[in-house]
Amino acid sequence: MDAVMTEDQVTGNKLKWLWLAALVIVVDLGTKAMASAMLTYATPVPVFPMFNLTLLHNTGAAFSFLAQADGWQRWFFVVLALGVSCVLVYWLKGLKRHETWMAVAIVLILGGALGNVYDRVVHGYVVDFLHFYWRDWHFPAFNFADTAITIGAAMMILDMFRNSDREDGGDAQRSEQSQ
């Protein structure tokens, strides 16, 4: 048996997780197309208490940031998302075999970002339709891509805490061994 490991065996070839990004894009664009075809703009359709389907168009970023700008934000957000996507693919490619959690986090963010890029390029806005509220307080409408980005970001934050716990434990063990 050959003891030499290939680069894919060392890194774990996390690019195989790109299928999940593609799935996020397909589900995102499919649900946005259904919402656009079946809902009337800005007319809430109650689904259950505290949740409506409400078709809205967001020309800004999260929470309608820069939505009132003169239109330059469309291409700014497209370029930004494509740049971040390139960084995410590069990061994904360099992950080690044991970093599956981070690979999933990265591809969720990647798929969500590209789903919203498609909307910005084709429509000039992002289609939002998931609308939660509590009494008179309304959370900004969002979509499946936004959900994937949020879950991916939360996974990254959890991974930072998990890794810092491991590193702290390793430092404690090393200091005990050196005494």
N, C-alpha and C. Protein backbone atom coordinates (compact mmCIF):
# COMPACT_ATOMS: atom_id res chain seq x y z
N MET A 1 0.85 -1.18 0.00
CA MET A 1 0.00 0.00 0.00
C MET A 1 0.89 1.24 0.00
N ASP A 2 0.54 2.22 -0.79
CA ASP A 2 1.34 3.43 -0.93
C ASP A 2 1.05 4.38 0.23
N ALA A 3 2.10 4.84 0.93
CA ALA A 3 1.94 5.71 2.09
C ALA A 3 1.83 7.18 1.71
N VAL A 4 2.02 7.52 0.45
CA VAL A 4 1.95 8.90 0.01
C VAL A 4 0.48 9.28 -0.20
N MET A 5 0.08 10.39 0.44
CA MET A 5 -1.31 10.84 0.31
C MET A 5 -1.39 11.91 -0.77
N THR A 6 -2.49 11.87 -1.53
CA THR A 6 -2.70 12.90 -2.54
C THR A 6 -3.18 14.17 -1.85
N GLU A 7 -3.13 15.28 -2.57
CA GLU A 7 -3.59 16.56 -2.01
C GLU A 7 -5.07 16.48 -1.64
N ASP A 8 -5.88 15.78 -2.48
CA ASP A 8 -7.30 15.63 -2.18
C ASP A 8 -7.53 14.88 -0.87
N GLN A 9 -6.69 13.89 -0.58
CA GLN A 9 -6.83 13.14 0.67
C GLN A 9 -6.48 14.01 1.87
N VAL A 10 -5.52 14.91 1.73
CA VAL A 10 -5.13 15.80 2.83
C VAL A 10 -6.18 16.89 3.01
N THR A 11 -6.57 17.54 1.91
CA THR A 11 -7.51 18.65 2.02
C THR A 11 -8.95 18.18 2.15
N GLY A 12 -9.24 16.98 1.71
CA GLY A 12 -10.60 16.48 1.78
C GLY A 12 -11.46 16.91 0.61
N ASN A 13 -10.90 17.64 -0.34
CA ASN A 13 -11.60 18.09 -1.55
C ASN A 13 -13.02 18.57 -1.24
N LYS A 14 -13.11 19.67 -0.53
CA LYS A 14 -14.40 20.22 -0.11
C LYS A 14 -15.19 20.85 -1.26
N LEU A 15 -14.59 20.95 -2.44
CA LEU A 15 -15.34 21.46 -3.59
C LEU A 15 -16.52 20.55 -3.92
N LYS A 16 -16.49 19.33 -3.46
CA LYS A 16 -17.62 18.42 -3.69
C LYS A 16 -18.90 18.95 -3.06
N TRP A 17 -18.80 19.89 -2.12
CA TRP A 17 -19.97 20.46 -1.45
C TRP A 17 -20.65 21.54 -2.30
N LEU A 18 -20.10 21.87 -3.44
CA LEU A 18 -20.72 22.88 -4.30
C LEU A 18 -22.12 22.47 -4.76
N TRP A 19 -22.43 21.19 -4.74
CA TRP A 19 -23.79 20.74 -5.09
C TRP A 19 -24.81 21.39 -4.15
N LEU A 20 -24.44 21.60 -2.89
CA LEU A 20 -25.36 22.21 -1.94
C LEU A 20 -25.61 23.67 -2.30
N ALA A 21 -24.60 24.38 -2.75
CA ALA A 21 -24.78 25.76 -3.21
C ALA A 21 -25.73 25.78 -4.40
N ALA A 22 -25.56 24.85 -5.31
CA ALA A 22 -26.45 24.76 -6.49
C ALA A 22 -27.88 24.48 -6.05
N LEU A 23 -28.06 23.61 -5.07
CA LEU A 23 -29.40 23.31 -4.56
C LEU A 23 -30.04 24.55 -3.93
N VAL A 24 -29.26 25.30 -3.17
CA VAL A 24 -29.77 26.55 -2.58
C VAL A 24 -30.23 27.49 -3.68
N ILE A 25 -29.45 27.63 -4.73
CA ILE A 25 -29.80 28.53 -5.84
C ILE A 25 -31.10 28.07 -6.51
N VAL A 26 -31.21 26.78 -6.79
CA VAL A 26 -32.41 26.25 -7.46
C VAL A 26 -33.65 26.46 -6.59
N VAL A 27 -33.57 26.12 -5.32
CA VAL A 27 -34.72 26.29 -4.42
C VAL A 27 -35.06 27.77 -4.28
N ASP A 28 -34.04 28.61 -4.13
CA ASP A 28 -34.25 30.04 -3.99
C ASP A 28 -34.95 30.62 -5.22
N LEU A 29 -34.40 30.36 -6.39
CA LEU A 29 -34.98 30.93 -7.61
C LEU A 29 -36.37 30.35 -7.88
N GLY A 30 -36.57 29.08 -7.56
CA GLY A 30 -37.89 28.46 -7.74
C GLY A 30 -38.94 29.07 -6.83
N THR A 31 -38.59 29.28 -5.56
CA THR A 31 -39.56 29.87 -4.63
C THR A 31 -39.83 31.34 -4.97
N LYS A 32 -38.81 32.06 -5.43
CA LYS A 32 -39.02 33.45 -5.84
C LYS A 32 -39.91 33.52 -7.08
N ALA A 33 -39.73 32.60 -8.01
CA ALA A 33 -40.58 32.58 -9.21
C ALA A 33 -42.02 32.26 -8.84
N MET A 34 -42.21 31.32 -7.93
CA MET A 34 -43.57 30.99 -7.49
C MET A 34 -44.21 32.18 -6.78
N ALA A 35 -43.45 32.83 -5.89
CA ALA A 35 -43.98 33.99 -5.18
C ALA A 35 -44.36 35.09 -6.16
N SER A 36 -43.50 35.34 -7.14
CA SER A 36 -43.77 36.39 -8.13
C SER A 36 -45.00 36.07 -8.98
N ALA A 37 -45.21 34.80 -9.28
CA ALA A 37 -46.34 34.38 -10.12
C ALA A 37 -47.65 34.32 -9.34
N MET A 38 -47.58 33.99 -8.05
CA MET A 38 -48.80 33.71 -7.30
C MET A 38 -49.24 34.82 -6.35
N LEU A 39 -48.35 35.76 -6.05
CA LEU A 39 -48.68 36.80 -5.08
C LEU A 39 -48.83 38.15 -5.77
N THR A 40 -49.65 38.99 -5.20
CA THR A 40 -49.80 40.36 -5.66
C THR A 40 -48.84 41.22 -4.84
N TYR A 41 -48.13 42.11 -5.52
CA TYR A 41 -47.12 42.93 -4.86
C TYR A 41 -47.69 43.65 -3.64
N ALA A 42 -46.97 43.52 -2.51
CA ALA A 42 -47.26 44.21 -1.25
C ALA A 42 -48.60 43.84 -0.62
N THR A 43 -49.22 42.76 -1.05
CA THR A 43 -50.48 42.32 -0.47
C THR A 43 -50.22 41.07 0.38
N PRO A 44 -50.29 41.19 1.70
CA PRO A 44 -50.01 40.05 2.57
C PRO A 44 -51.02 38.92 2.39
N VAL A 45 -50.51 37.70 2.38
CA VAL A 45 -51.36 36.51 2.37
C VAL A 45 -51.06 35.77 3.67
N PRO A 46 -52.00 35.80 4.63
CA PRO A 46 -51.76 35.13 5.90
C PRO A 46 -51.58 33.62 5.72
N VAL A 47 -50.55 33.09 6.36
CA VAL A 47 -50.29 31.65 6.34
C VAL A 47 -50.61 31.06 7.70
N PHE A 48 -50.11 31.68 8.73
CA PHE A 48 -50.47 31.36 10.11
C PHE A 48 -50.15 32.57 10.97
N PRO A 49 -50.62 32.59 12.22
CA PRO A 49 -50.37 33.77 13.04
C PRO A 49 -48.88 34.12 13.07
N MET A 50 -48.56 35.36 12.85
CA MET A 50 -47.21 35.91 12.85
C MET A 50 -46.44 35.65 11.57
N PHE A 51 -47.08 35.08 10.54
CA PHE A 51 -46.37 34.82 9.29
C PHE A 51 -47.29 35.03 8.09
N ASN A 52 -46.83 35.86 7.17
CA ASN A 52 -47.51 36.09 5.89
C ASN A 52 -46.56 35.81 4.75
N LEU A 53 -47.11 35.56 3.59
CA LEU A 53 -46.35 35.63 2.35
C LEU A 53 -46.68 37.01 1.77
N THR A 54 -45.66 37.82 1.56
CA THR A 54 -45.85 39.17 1.05
C THR A 54 -44.77 39.46 0.02
N LEU A 55 -45.16 39.58 -1.23
CA LEU A 55 -44.19 39.84 -2.30
C LEU A 55 -43.70 41.28 -2.22
N LEU A 56 -42.38 41.43 -2.09
CA LEU A 56 -41.75 42.74 -2.06
C LEU A 56 -40.48 42.70 -2.90
N HIS A 57 -40.06 43.85 -3.39
CA HIS A 57 -38.84 43.98 -4.18
C HIS A 57 -37.87 44.85 -3.42
N ASN A 58 -36.67 44.34 -3.18
CA ASN A 58 -35.66 45.05 -2.39
C ASN A 58 -34.50 45.45 -3.31
N THR A 59 -34.33 46.74 -3.52
CA THR A 59 -33.22 47.21 -4.35
C THR A 59 -31.96 47.42 -3.52
N GLY A 60 -32.08 47.29 -2.20
CA GLY A 60 -30.94 47.47 -1.31
C GLY A 60 -30.37 46.12 -0.88
N ALA A 61 -29.70 46.16 0.25
CA ALA A 61 -29.13 44.94 0.82
C ALA A 61 -30.01 44.51 1.99
N ALA A 62 -29.44 43.78 2.94
CA ALA A 62 -30.19 43.31 4.10
C ALA A 62 -30.89 44.48 4.79
N PHE A 63 -32.12 44.23 5.20
CA PHE A 63 -32.95 45.23 5.88
C PHE A 63 -33.12 46.48 5.02
N SER A 64 -33.11 46.30 3.70
CA SER A 64 -33.28 47.39 2.72
C SER A 64 -32.21 48.46 2.81
N PHE A 65 -31.03 48.09 3.31
CA PHE A 65 -29.91 49.03 3.38
C PHE A 65 -29.59 49.55 1.98
N LEU A 66 -29.54 50.84 1.82
CA LEU A 66 -29.27 51.56 0.57
C LEU A 66 -30.38 51.41 -0.48
N ALA A 67 -31.56 50.96 -0.08
CA ALA A 67 -32.65 50.77 -1.04
C ALA A 67 -33.07 52.09 -1.67
N GLN A 68 -32.86 53.19 -0.99
CA GLN A 68 -33.29 54.50 -1.51
C GLN A 68 -32.21 55.18 -2.35
N ALA A 69 -31.09 54.53 -2.57
CA ALA A 69 -30.02 55.12 -3.38
C ALA A 69 -30.47 55.23 -4.85
N ASP A 70 -29.69 55.90 -5.65
CA ASP A 70 -30.07 56.23 -7.03
C ASP A 70 -29.91 55.11 -8.05
N GLY A 71 -29.61 53.91 -7.64
CA GLY A 71 -29.47 52.80 -8.57
C GLY A 71 -28.06 52.23 -8.65
N TRP A 72 -27.07 53.00 -8.23
CA TRP A 72 -25.69 52.51 -8.27
C TRP A 72 -25.50 51.30 -7.38
N GLN A 73 -26.34 51.15 -6.34
CA GLN A 73 -26.18 50.06 -5.37
C GLN A 73 -26.42 48.70 -6.02
N ARG A 74 -27.21 48.65 -7.08
CA ARG A 74 -27.47 47.37 -7.77
C ARG A 74 -26.16 46.73 -8.19
N TRP A 75 -25.36 47.47 -8.93
CA TRP A 75 -24.11 46.91 -9.46
C TRP A 75 -23.04 46.81 -8.38
N PHE A 76 -23.08 47.69 -7.41
CA PHE A 76 -22.17 47.59 -6.27
C PHE A 76 -22.38 46.26 -5.56
N PHE A 77 -23.65 45.91 -5.27
CA PHE A 77 -23.94 44.66 -4.57
C PHE A 77 -23.65 43.43 -5.45
N VAL A 78 -23.82 43.57 -6.76
CA VAL A 78 -23.48 42.46 -7.66
C VAL A 78 -21.98 42.21 -7.62
N VAL A 79 -21.18 43.25 -7.77
CA VAL A 79 -19.72 43.11 -7.75
C VAL A 79 -19.25 42.61 -6.39
N LEU A 80 -19.81 43.16 -5.32
CA LEU A 80 -19.45 42.72 -3.97
C LEU A 80 -19.76 41.24 -3.77
N ALA A 81 -20.95 40.81 -4.15
CA ALA A 81 -21.34 39.41 -3.98
C ALA A 81 -20.48 38.47 -4.83
N LEU A 82 -20.16 38.87 -6.03
CA LEU A 82 -19.30 38.03 -6.89
C LEU A 82 -17.89 37.96 -6.32
N GLY A 83 -17.38 39.07 -5.81
CA GLY A 83 -16.06 39.06 -5.17
C GLY A 83 -16.03 38.16 -3.95
N VAL A 84 -17.04 38.30 -3.10
CA VAL A 84 -17.14 37.45 -1.91
C VAL A 84 -17.28 35.98 -2.32
N SER A 85 -18.03 35.72 -3.37
CA SER A 85 -18.21 34.35 -3.84
C SER A 85 -16.88 33.73 -4.27
N CYS A 86 -16.05 34.51 -4.96
CA CYS A 86 -14.72 34.01 -5.36
C CYS A 86 -13.88 33.68 -4.13
N VAL A 87 -13.91 34.56 -3.13
CA VAL A 87 -13.17 34.31 -1.89
C VAL A 87 -13.69 33.05 -1.20
N LEU A 88 -15.02 32.87 -1.19
CA LEU A 88 -15.60 31.69 -0.54
C LEU A 88 -15.18 30.40 -1.24
N VAL A 89 -15.15 30.40 -2.58
CA VAL A 89 -14.72 29.20 -3.31
C VAL A 89 -13.25 28.91 -3.03
N TYR A 90 -12.42 29.94 -3.00
CA TYR A 90 -11.00 29.77 -2.68
C TYR A 90 -10.84 29.21 -1.27
N TRP A 91 -11.59 29.75 -0.32
CA TRP A 91 -11.55 29.28 1.06
C TRP A 91 -12.00 27.82 1.13
N LEU A 92 -13.09 27.50 0.43
CA LEU A 92 -13.62 26.14 0.40
C LEU A 92 -12.58 25.16 -0.13
N LYS A 93 -11.90 25.56 -1.18
CA LYS A 93 -10.89 24.69 -1.80
C LYS A 93 -9.74 24.37 -0.84
N GLY A 94 -9.43 25.30 0.05
CA GLY A 94 -8.31 25.10 0.96
C GLY A 94 -8.65 24.43 2.28
N LEU A 95 -9.92 24.09 2.49
CA LEU A 95 -10.30 23.47 3.76
C LEU A 95 -9.68 22.08 3.91
N LYS A 96 -9.45 21.71 5.14
CA LYS A 96 -8.91 20.39 5.46
C LYS A 96 -10.04 19.35 5.53
N ARG A 97 -9.66 18.11 5.53
CA ARG A 97 -10.61 17.00 5.52
C ARG A 97 -11.63 17.09 6.66
N HIS A 98 -11.19 17.47 7.85
CA HIS A 98 -12.08 17.48 9.03
C HIS A 98 -12.96 18.73 9.10
N GLU A 99 -12.87 19.66 8.16
CA GLU A 99 -13.60 20.92 8.22
C GLU A 99 -14.90 20.89 7.41
N THR A 100 -15.66 19.84 7.56
CA THR A 100 -16.92 19.69 6.83
C THR A 100 -17.95 20.73 7.27
N TRP A 101 -18.03 20.99 8.57
CA TRP A 101 -18.98 21.99 9.09
C TRP A 101 -18.75 23.34 8.39
N MET A 102 -17.49 23.75 8.30
CA MET A 102 -17.16 25.02 7.66
C MET A 102 -17.47 24.97 6.17
N ALA A 103 -17.25 23.82 5.53
CA ALA A 103 -17.57 23.68 4.11
C ALA A 103 -19.06 23.90 3.86
N VAL A 104 -19.89 23.32 4.71
CA VAL A 104 -21.34 23.50 4.57
C VAL A 104 -21.72 24.97 4.78
N ALA A 105 -21.13 25.59 5.80
CA ALA A 105 -21.39 27.01 6.07
C ALA A 105 -21.04 27.86 4.85
N ILE A 106 -19.89 27.62 4.28
CA ILE A 106 -19.42 28.40 3.13
C ILE A 106 -20.35 28.23 1.93
N VAL A 107 -20.74 27.00 1.62
CA VAL A 107 -21.58 26.80 0.43
C VAL A 107 -23.00 27.32 0.64
N LEU A 108 -23.49 27.33 1.87
CA LEU A 108 -24.80 27.94 2.13
C LEU A 108 -24.74 29.44 1.83
N ILE A 109 -23.69 30.10 2.31
CA ILE A 109 -23.52 31.53 2.03
C ILE A 109 -23.33 31.76 0.53
N LEU A 110 -22.52 30.94 -0.10
CA LEU A 110 -22.27 31.06 -1.53
C LEU A 110 -23.55 30.92 -2.34
N GLY A 111 -24.33 29.88 -2.06
CA GLY A 111 -25.58 29.67 -2.79
C GLY A 111 -26.56 30.82 -2.60
N GLY A 112 -26.67 31.30 -1.36
CA GLY A 112 -27.56 32.42 -1.09
C GLY A 112 -27.11 33.69 -1.80
N ALA A 113 -25.83 33.95 -1.76
CA ALA A 113 -25.30 35.16 -2.41
C ALA A 113 -25.55 35.11 -3.92
N LEU A 114 -25.31 33.97 -4.53
CA LEU A 114 -25.50 33.86 -5.98
C LEU A 114 -26.98 33.89 -6.37
N GLY A 115 -27.85 33.36 -5.52
CA GLY A 115 -29.29 33.46 -5.77
C GLY A 115 -29.74 34.91 -5.81
N ASN A 116 -29.25 35.70 -4.86
CA ASN A 116 -29.61 37.12 -4.84
C ASN A 116 -28.93 37.90 -5.97
N VAL A 117 -27.72 37.49 -6.36
CA VAL A 117 -27.04 38.14 -7.50
C VAL A 117 -27.87 37.96 -8.77
N TYR A 118 -28.39 36.77 -8.96
CA TYR A 118 -29.22 36.53 -10.13
C TYR A 118 -30.37 37.54 -10.19
N ASP A 119 -31.06 37.71 -9.06
CA ASP A 119 -32.17 38.67 -9.01
C ASP A 119 -31.71 40.08 -9.36
N ARG A 120 -30.60 40.50 -8.79
CA ARG A 120 -30.12 41.87 -9.03
C ARG A 120 -29.78 42.09 -10.50
N VAL A 121 -29.14 41.10 -11.12
CA VAL A 121 -28.75 41.24 -12.52
C VAL A 121 -29.98 41.20 -13.43
N VAL A 122 -30.87 40.25 -13.21
CA VAL A 122 -32.02 40.06 -14.10
C VAL A 122 -33.14 41.06 -13.84
N HIS A 123 -33.46 41.31 -12.56
CA HIS A 123 -34.62 42.15 -12.23
C HIS A 123 -34.25 43.56 -11.78
N GLY A 124 -33.05 43.73 -11.25
CA GLY A 124 -32.66 45.02 -10.68
C GLY A 124 -33.03 45.14 -9.21
N TYR A 125 -33.57 44.08 -8.65
CA TYR A 125 -33.96 44.03 -7.24
C TYR A 125 -33.98 42.57 -6.80
N VAL A 126 -34.03 42.35 -5.50
CA VAL A 126 -34.13 41.01 -4.95
C VAL A 126 -35.59 40.76 -4.57
N VAL A 127 -36.12 39.62 -4.95
CA VAL A 127 -37.49 39.24 -4.62
C VAL A 127 -37.52 38.70 -3.20
N ASP A 128 -38.32 39.32 -2.35
CA ASP A 128 -38.53 38.87 -0.98
C ASP A 128 -40.00 38.52 -0.80
N PHE A 129 -40.29 37.56 0.07
CA PHE A 129 -41.70 37.19 0.24
C PHE A 129 -42.01 36.56 1.59
N LEU A 130 -41.03 36.20 2.38
CA LEU A 130 -41.26 35.62 3.70
C LEU A 130 -41.36 36.76 4.70
N HIS A 131 -42.50 36.87 5.36
CA HIS A 131 -42.79 38.06 6.16
C HIS A 131 -43.30 37.66 7.55
N PHE A 132 -42.45 37.83 8.56
CA PHE A 132 -42.83 37.54 9.94
C PHE A 132 -43.15 38.84 10.67
N TYR A 133 -44.06 38.76 11.61
CA TYR A 133 -44.44 39.94 12.37
C TYR A 133 -44.94 39.53 13.76
N TRP A 134 -44.98 40.49 14.65
CA TRP A 134 -45.56 40.32 15.97
C TRP A 134 -46.35 41.58 16.30
N ARG A 135 -47.65 41.47 16.34
CA ARG A 135 -48.54 42.61 16.56
C ARG A 135 -48.25 43.68 15.52
N ASP A 136 -47.76 44.85 15.94
CA ASP A 136 -47.48 45.93 14.98
C ASP A 136 -46.03 45.96 14.51
N TRP A 137 -45.20 45.04 15.03
CA TRP A 137 -43.80 45.00 14.65
C TRP A 137 -43.63 44.01 13.50
N HIS A 138 -42.98 44.45 12.42
CA HIS A 138 -42.79 43.61 11.24
C HIS A 138 -41.30 43.44 10.97
N PHE A 139 -40.86 42.17 10.90
CA PHE A 139 -39.49 41.88 10.51
C PHE A 139 -39.41 42.09 9.00
N PRO A 140 -38.32 42.67 8.49
CA PRO A 140 -38.22 42.87 7.04
C PRO A 140 -38.39 41.55 6.28
N ALA A 141 -39.13 41.61 5.19
CA ALA A 141 -39.35 40.42 4.36
C ALA A 141 -38.01 39.92 3.83
N PHE A 142 -37.93 38.61 3.63
CA PHE A 142 -36.69 38.00 3.14
C PHE A 142 -37.05 36.81 2.26
N ASN A 143 -36.04 36.06 1.83
CA ASN A 143 -36.24 34.94 0.93
C ASN A 143 -35.39 33.74 1.36
N PHE A 144 -35.43 32.67 0.58
CA PHE A 144 -34.68 31.47 0.91
C PHE A 144 -33.18 31.70 0.87
N ALA A 145 -32.71 32.52 -0.07
CA ALA A 145 -31.27 32.84 -0.16
C ALA A 145 -30.80 33.52 1.11
N ASP A 146 -31.59 34.47 1.61
CA ASP A 146 -31.24 35.16 2.85
C ASP A 146 -31.17 34.18 4.02
N THR A 147 -32.09 33.22 4.02
CA THR A 147 -32.10 32.20 5.08
C THR A 147 -30.83 31.36 5.03
N ALA A 148 -30.43 30.94 3.82
CA ALA A 148 -29.21 30.15 3.67
C ALA A 148 -27.98 30.94 4.12
N ILE A 149 -27.93 32.23 3.76
CA ILE A 149 -26.80 33.08 4.17
C ILE A 149 -26.76 33.19 5.69
N THR A 150 -27.90 33.39 6.31
CA THR A 150 -27.97 33.53 7.77
C THR A 150 -27.55 32.25 8.47
N ILE A 151 -28.04 31.12 7.99
CA ILE A 151 -27.67 29.83 8.59
C ILE A 151 -26.17 29.59 8.42
N GLY A 152 -25.64 29.86 7.23
CA GLY A 152 -24.20 29.70 6.99
C GLY A 152 -23.37 30.59 7.88
N ALA A 153 -23.78 31.84 8.05
CA ALA A 153 -23.04 32.77 8.92
C ALA A 153 -23.10 32.30 10.37
N ALA A 154 -24.26 31.83 10.81
CA ALA A 154 -24.39 31.32 12.18
C ALA A 154 -23.49 30.10 12.39
N MET A 155 -23.43 29.24 11.38
CA MET A 155 -22.54 28.07 11.47
C MET A 155 -21.09 28.50 11.59
N MET A 156 -20.69 29.54 10.85
CA MET A 156 -19.31 30.04 10.93
C MET A 156 -19.01 30.57 12.33
N ILE A 157 -19.96 31.32 12.89
CA ILE A 157 -19.76 31.86 14.23
C ILE A 157 -19.65 30.73 15.25
N LEU A 158 -20.53 29.74 15.15
CA LEU A 158 -20.45 28.59 16.05
C LEU A 158 -19.12 27.86 15.90
N ASP A 159 -18.65 27.76 14.67
CA ASP A 159 -17.37 27.09 14.42
C ASP A 159 -16.22 27.84 15.08
N MET A 160 -16.28 29.18 15.07
CA MET A 160 -15.23 29.96 15.73
C MET A 160 -15.21 29.64 17.23
N PHE A 161 -16.39 29.56 17.84
CA PHE A 161 -16.45 29.23 19.27
C PHE A 161 -16.00 27.80 19.53
N ARG A 162 -16.39 26.88 18.67
CA ARG A 162 -15.96 25.49 18.82
C ARG A 162 -14.45 25.37 18.72
N ASN A 163 -13.86 26.06 17.75
CA ASN A 163 -12.41 26.01 17.56
C ASN A 163 -11.67 26.71 18.69
N SER A 164 -12.22 27.81 19.20
CA SER A 164 -11.54 28.51 20.31
C SER A 164 -11.57 27.65 21.56
N ASP A 165 -12.65 26.88 21.76
CA ASP A 165 -12.71 25.96 22.90
C ASP A 165 -11.64 24.87 22.76
N ARG A 166 -11.49 24.34 21.55
CA ARG A 166 -10.47 23.31 21.31
C ARG A 166 -9.07 23.87 21.54
N GLU A 167 -8.84 25.09 21.04
CA GLU A 167 -7.52 25.69 21.20
C GLU A 167 -7.23 26.00 22.66
N ASP A 168 -8.23 26.51 23.38
CA ASP A 168 -8.04 26.78 24.81
C ASP A 168 -7.75 25.49 25.57
N GLY A 169 -8.48 24.43 25.22
CA GLY A 169 -8.24 23.13 25.87
C GLY A 169 -6.86 22.60 25.55
N GLY A 170 -6.42 22.79 24.32
CA GLY A 170 -5.09 22.33 23.91
C GLY A 170 -4.01 23.12 24.64
N ASP A 171 -4.19 24.42 24.82
CA ASP A 171 -3.22 25.23 25.54
C ASP A 171 -3.15 24.81 27.00
N ALA A 172 -4.30 24.51 27.59
CA ALA A 172 -4.33 24.08 29.00
C ALA A 172 -3.61 22.74 29.16
N GLN A 173 -3.84 21.83 28.21
CA GLN A 173 -3.18 20.53 28.29
C GLN A 173 -1.67 20.69 28.12
N ARG A 174 -1.24 21.53 27.20
CA ARG A 174 0.19 21.72 26.98
C ARG A 174 0.85 22.33 28.21
N SER A 175 0.19 23.29 28.87
CA SER A 175 0.79 23.91 30.04
C SER A 175 0.86 22.93 31.20
N GLU A 176 -0.16 22.03 31.30
CA GLU A 176 -0.11 21.02 32.36
C GLU A 176 1.02 20.03 32.12
N GLN A 177 1.23 19.66 30.86
CA GLN A 177 2.27 18.70 30.51
C GLN A 177 3.67 19.28 30.73
N SER A 178 3.81 20.58 30.53
CA SER A 178 5.14 21.18 30.66
C SER A 178 5.54 21.40 32.12
N GLN A 179 4.58 21.26 33.06
CA GLN A 179 4.89 21.48 34.48
C GLN A 179 5.44 20.27 35.14
